[in-house]
Amino acid sequence: MPMYRYVCQKCGNEEVHLHGINDSPNITCTKCGHSMSKAISRVGIVFKGSGFYITDSKKTTTETKSE
């Protein structure tokens, strides 16, 4: 089950709730009792491995022409 971040529309309190994708629960704030709305969560992205920089994928050619 995914975790969702909810923000209170009245006091700004943030909470994380765990529920199914197809569920649409009515979440109320634990501080003021007002309804909360689903917010977009912050996502951390980590690039690991080679191929993410131009220097990683650049081919070094050391061809010389002999005449």
C-alpha atoms as a PDB file:
ATOM      1  CA  MET A   1       0.000   0.000   0.000  1.00  0.00           C
ATOM      2  CA  PRO A   2       1.360   3.452  -0.873  1.00  0.00           C
ATOM      3  CA  MET A   3       1.846   6.283   1.583  1.00  0.00           C
ATOM      4  CA  TYR A   4       0.179   9.615   0.868  1.00  0.00           C
ATOM      5  CA  ARG A   5       0.967  13.067   2.281  1.00  0.00           C
ATOM      6  CA  TYR A   6      -1.976  15.200   3.376  1.00  0.00           C
ATOM      7  CA  VAL A   7      -1.961  18.911   4.267  1.00  0.00           C
ATOM      8  CA  CYS A   8      -4.597  20.643   6.384  1.00  0.00           C
ATOM      9  CA  GLN A   9      -6.313  23.477   4.537  1.00  0.00           C
ATOM     10  CA  LYS A  10      -6.820  25.463   7.718  1.00  0.00           C
ATOM     11  CA  CYS A  11      -3.711  25.139   9.935  1.00  0.00           C
ATOM     12  CA  GLY A  12      -1.140  23.724   7.476  1.00  0.00           C
ATOM     13  CA  ASN A  13      -0.480  20.551   9.479  1.00  0.00           C
ATOM     14  CA  GLU A  14       1.129  17.773   7.389  1.00  0.00           C
ATOM     15  CA  GLU A  15       0.447  14.076   7.948  1.00  0.00           C
ATOM     16  CA  VAL A  16       1.293  10.864   6.131  1.00  0.00           C
ATOM     17  CA  HIS A  17      -1.384   8.173   5.748  1.00  0.00           C
ATOM     18  CA  LEU A  18      -1.216   4.669   4.360  1.00  0.00           C
ATOM     19  CA  HIS A  19      -4.132   3.492   2.197  1.00  0.00           C
ATOM     20  CA  GLY A  20      -4.873   1.752  -1.086  1.00  0.00           C
ATOM     21  CA  ILE A  21      -4.703   3.426  -4.485  1.00  0.00           C
ATOM     22  CA  ASN A  22      -8.433   3.106  -5.155  1.00  0.00           C
ATOM     23  CA  ASP A  23      -9.448   4.255  -1.659  1.00  0.00           C
ATOM     24  CA  SER A  24     -10.604   7.844  -1.209  1.00  0.00           C
ATOM     25  CA  PRO A  25     -10.664   8.347   2.563  1.00  0.00           C
ATOM     26  CA  ASN A  26     -11.988  11.439   4.284  1.00  0.00           C
ATOM     27  CA  ILE A  27      -8.927  12.498   6.316  1.00  0.00           C
ATOM     28  CA  THR A  28      -9.377  15.058   9.092  1.00  0.00           C
ATOM     29  CA  CYS A  29      -6.605  16.981  10.819  1.00  0.00           C
ATOM     30  CA  THR A  30      -5.575  15.671  14.232  1.00  0.00           C
ATOM     31  CA  LYS A  31      -4.796  19.214  15.457  1.00  0.00           C
ATOM     32  CA  CYS A  32      -7.814  21.276  14.383  1.00  0.00           C
ATOM     33  CA  GLY A  33     -10.307  18.739  12.973  1.00  0.00           C
ATOM     34  CA  HIS A  34     -10.558  20.426   9.564  1.00  0.00           C
ATOM     35  CA  SER A  35     -10.491  18.383   6.329  1.00  0.00           C
ATOM     36  CA  MET A  36      -7.128  17.621   4.738  1.00  0.00           C
ATOM     37  CA  SER A  37      -6.252  17.449   1.057  1.00  0.00           C
ATOM     38  CA  LYS A  38      -3.772  15.187  -0.686  1.00  0.00           C
ATOM     39  CA  ALA A  39      -0.490  16.894  -1.564  1.00  0.00           C
ATOM     40  CA  ILE A  40       2.286  16.026  -3.955  1.00  0.00           C
ATOM     41  CA  SER A  41       5.157  14.472  -2.047  1.00  0.00           C
ATOM     42  CA  ARG A  42       8.766  15.425  -2.349  1.00  0.00           C
ATOM     43  CA  VAL A  43      10.720  12.834  -4.272  1.00  0.00           C
ATOM     44  CA  GLY A  44      14.437  12.254  -4.012  1.00  0.00           C
ATOM     45  CA  ILE A  45      16.162  11.036  -7.143  1.00  0.00           C
ATOM     46  CA  VAL A  46      19.563   9.394  -7.047  1.00  0.00           C
ATOM     47  CA  PHE A  47      21.361   8.560 -10.283  1.00  0.00           C
ATOM     48  CA  LYS A  48      23.770   5.677  -9.867  1.00  0.00           C
ATOM     49  CA  GLY A  49      26.039   4.084 -12.402  1.00  0.00           C
ATOM     50  CA  SER A  50      27.633   5.341 -15.552  1.00  0.00           C
ATOM     51  CA  GLY A  51      25.973   7.057 -18.486  1.00  0.00           C
ATOM     52  CA  PHE A  52      24.459  10.031 -16.685  1.00  0.00           C
ATOM     53  CA  TYR A  53      27.108  12.578 -17.594  1.00  0.00           C
ATOM     54  CA  ILE A  54      28.340  13.586 -21.029  1.00  0.00           C
ATOM     55  CA  THR A  55      31.854  12.546 -20.087  1.00  0.00           C
ATOM     56  CA  ASP A  56      30.655   9.017 -19.263  1.00  0.00           C
ATOM     57  CA  SER A  57      29.247   8.279 -22.695  1.00  0.00           C
ATOM     58  CA  LYS A  58      31.786  10.164 -24.782  1.00  0.00           C
ATOM     59  CA  LYS A  59      33.845   7.899 -26.990  1.00  0.00           C
ATOM     60  CA  THR A  60      37.522   8.622 -27.132  1.00  0.00           C
ATOM     61  CA  THR A  61      38.886   8.203 -30.621  1.00  0.00           C
ATOM     62  CA  THR A  62      42.623   8.204 -31.128  1.00  0.00           C
ATOM     63  CA  GLU A  63      42.667   7.465 -34.800  1.00  0.00           C
ATOM     64  CA  THR A  64      45.489   8.976 -36.788  1.00  0.00           C
ATOM     65  CA  LYS A  65      45.769   8.951 -40.527  1.00  0.00           C
ATOM     66  CA  SER A  66      48.980   7.525 -41.934  1.00  0.00           C
ATOM     67  CA  GLU A  67      49.817   8.662 -45.446  1.00  0.00           C
END
